Structure formats: C-alpha cells, structure tokens
Amino acid sequence: MVVPIDGGIEKKLDALLALESQMIEGCVSGHEGLVPKNGQERVVRVAAVREGLQKRFASTADRYRNVMIECCGEEVGKKAQYAEAFELWLVTRLRRFPQTPIHSAFICEICGQSNLSVCSRFAGFGRFL
C-alpha cells in the first residue's frame, strides 16, 4: 500500500524531528560526532536530517509511482511528491491465556495453534518499506 503524504509532509517532518535522540543524535547507530555541541551545529544537523527525510519520502513516491496511480488514481498518483509505502500482512487476532506458560501464551483464534511458527494463518503484522 502506498499513501501520498504531500498534505502532511511538514507536520510529519516536524514530528519525526521532535524525536531528537532517534533522529538528530542517530539512535542506536549514532555516535558522539552526530550530537550537536552548540546551537549552530544543531541547526545544521536538523536541516540535514530534514533534507534526508524529505529525499526518502520523495524517493518512495518515485519508486512506487505506478502503485500510487493504481490505488489513488492517475491525477493523485502522478502529482504526489512524497509518499509512504507499507507492506501489509494478514493480521490474526490472538487471545492471551495468562495461566499457560509464556511459550504457549498465545493461541490463534482462527486455527487454534499455540505455536505461531506452525500456524498457517498467522503471517505477522506489517512493516514500512
């Protein structure tokens, strides 16, 4: 599924940049060199991260342009500058049974399997592309 995000791109970028330790400081792959030491360095780093995120969302729109046209129509799909793509998986509701051991604490409501690795109907959740 591909979603054009042109109308909300600025709010999305602002929200992502508000997660300073993840975005500005580099999260788990970060290092001391990414952490701004003063206000001027922070402004430069924020601008660089913002530009990188914009390029990523623009690249996603270009990469999945045909899917967007198919899903959203030709007018919207061709015009979109920014997009997010998601891979959708079947989501099976699970029931939790607290009295059972942790390794079998979930049972698929469709097939009754407690071991999700052998459940033919459980495919997981979803992820960003």
Protein backbone atom coordinates (compact mmCIF):
# COMPACT_ATOMS: atom_id res chain seq x y z
CA MET A 1 0.00 0.00 0.00
CA VAL A 2 1.35 3.42 -0.90
CA VAL A 3 -0.02 6.62 0.63
CA PRO A 4 0.66 10.12 -0.73
CA ILE A 5 1.65 12.40 2.17
CA ASP A 6 2.08 15.76 0.41
CA GLY A 7 -0.60 17.45 2.52
CA GLY A 8 1.05 16.50 5.80
CA ILE A 9 4.73 16.31 4.95
CA GLU A 10 5.74 19.35 7.01
CA LYS A 11 3.88 18.10 10.11
CA LYS A 12 5.36 14.62 9.64
CA LEU A 13 8.90 16.00 9.38
CA ASP A 14 8.35 18.20 12.45
CA ALA A 15 7.04 15.21 14.42
CA LEU A 16 9.97 13.00 13.40
CA LEU A 17 12.50 15.70 14.23
CA ALA A 18 10.90 16.09 17.67
CA LEU A 19 12.27 12.59 18.41
CA GLU A 20 15.69 14.11 18.94
CA SER A 21 17.57 11.08 20.26
CA GLN A 22 16.37 8.95 17.35
CA MET A 23 16.62 11.46 14.51
CA ILE A 24 19.18 14.13 15.41
CA GLU A 25 21.55 12.01 17.50
CA GLY A 26 21.31 8.93 15.28
CA CYS A 27 19.57 6.45 17.63
CA VAL A 28 21.48 3.16 18.08
CA SER A 29 23.72 3.75 15.09
CA GLY A 30 24.60 7.22 16.30
CA HIS A 31 27.94 8.36 17.67
CA GLU A 32 29.32 11.35 19.52
CA GLY A 33 30.08 13.14 16.28
CA LEU A 34 26.36 13.38 15.42
CA VAL A 35 25.41 15.12 18.67
CA PRO A 36 25.35 18.91 18.13
CA LYS A 37 27.65 20.72 20.55
CA ASN A 38 26.06 24.15 20.17
CA GLY A 39 23.06 25.91 18.68
CA GLN A 40 24.61 26.46 15.28
CA GLU A 41 25.60 22.79 14.92
CA ARG A 42 22.09 21.80 15.95
CA VAL A 43 20.53 23.98 13.24
CA VAL A 44 22.84 22.43 10.63
CA ARG A 45 22.12 18.86 11.84
CA VAL A 46 18.34 19.40 11.93
CA ALA A 47 18.42 20.79 8.38
CA ALA A 48 20.49 17.83 7.15
CA VAL A 49 18.19 15.25 8.75
CA ARG A 50 15.09 17.06 7.47
CA GLU A 51 16.51 17.11 3.94
CA GLY A 52 17.36 13.41 4.17
CA LEU A 53 13.84 12.53 5.29
CA GLN A 54 12.32 14.64 2.51
CA LYS A 55 14.51 12.85 -0.04
CA ARG A 56 13.47 9.48 1.36
CA PHE A 57 9.74 10.26 1.09
CA ALA A 58 10.28 11.72 -2.43
CA SER A 59 12.20 8.60 -3.45
CA THR A 60 9.37 6.41 -2.14
CA ALA A 61 6.86 8.38 -4.24
CA ASP A 62 9.01 7.91 -7.34
CA ARG A 63 9.73 4.25 -6.66
CA TYR A 64 6.08 3.31 -6.13
CA ARG A 65 4.54 5.78 -8.59
CA ASN A 66 2.75 3.03 -10.57
CA VAL A 67 1.24 1.55 -7.41
CA MET A 68 0.08 5.00 -6.30
CA ILE A 69 -1.55 5.62 -9.68
CA GLU A 70 -3.29 2.26 -9.45
CA CYS A 71 -4.50 2.82 -5.88
CA CYS A 72 -5.21 6.56 -5.81
CA GLY A 73 -6.00 7.33 -9.44
CA GLU A 74 -3.91 8.89 -12.15
CA GLU A 75 -4.37 12.52 -11.08
CA VAL A 76 -3.29 11.97 -7.46
CA GLY A 77 -0.67 9.33 -8.22
CA LYS A 78 1.17 11.39 -10.83
CA LYS A 79 1.02 14.60 -8.81
CA ALA A 80 2.24 13.23 -5.45
CA GLN A 81 5.72 14.37 -4.50
CA TYR A 82 6.02 12.46 -1.19
CA ALA A 83 4.71 9.05 -0.15
CA GLU A 84 4.98 6.29 2.42
CA ALA A 85 4.84 2.64 1.45
CA PHE A 86 3.75 -0.20 3.69
CA GLU A 87 3.86 -3.94 3.25
CA LEU A 88 0.63 -5.37 4.64
CA TRP A 89 0.43 -8.81 6.13
CA LEU A 90 -2.53 -10.83 7.32
CA VAL A 91 -3.16 -9.97 10.95
CA THR A 92 -4.68 -12.72 13.04
CA ARG A 93 -6.23 -11.81 16.37
CA LEU A 94 -4.67 -13.66 19.25
CA ARG A 95 -6.10 -14.49 22.67
CA ARG A 96 -3.83 -14.39 25.69
CA PHE A 97 -4.14 -17.11 28.30
CA PRO A 98 -2.27 -15.99 31.45
CA GLN A 99 -2.47 -19.44 33.09
CA THR A 100 -0.33 -21.05 30.38
CA PRO A 101 3.47 -20.96 30.10
CA ILE A 102 4.91 -17.99 28.21
CA HIS A 103 5.95 -20.08 25.18
CA SER A 104 2.31 -21.05 24.57
CA ALA A 105 0.60 -17.95 25.95
CA PHE A 106 -0.94 -17.01 22.61
CA ILE A 107 -3.45 -19.08 20.68
CA CYS A 108 -4.59 -18.22 17.16
CA GLU A 109 -8.37 -17.68 17.11
CA ILE A 110 -8.65 -18.98 13.54
CA CYS A 111 -6.83 -22.31 13.71
CA GLY A 112 -6.25 -22.82 17.43
CA GLN A 113 -2.47 -23.25 17.14
CA SER A 114 -0.47 -22.11 20.15
CA ASN A 115 2.84 -22.30 18.28
CA LEU A 116 2.58 -19.42 15.81
CA SER A 117 5.51 -20.69 13.78
CA VAL A 118 3.34 -23.62 12.60
CA CYS A 119 0.10 -21.66 12.33
CA SER A 120 -0.73 -21.50 8.64
CA ARG A 121 -2.98 -18.47 9.09
CA PHE A 122 -0.69 -16.24 11.10
CA ALA A 123 1.55 -14.10 8.92
CA GLY A 124 2.58 -11.33 11.27
CA PHE A 125 1.71 -7.68 11.25
CA GLY A 126 3.28 -5.25 8.79
CA ARG A 127 6.27 -3.03 8.18
CA PHE A 128 7.44 0.10 6.45
CA LEU A 129 9.13 -0.41 3.11
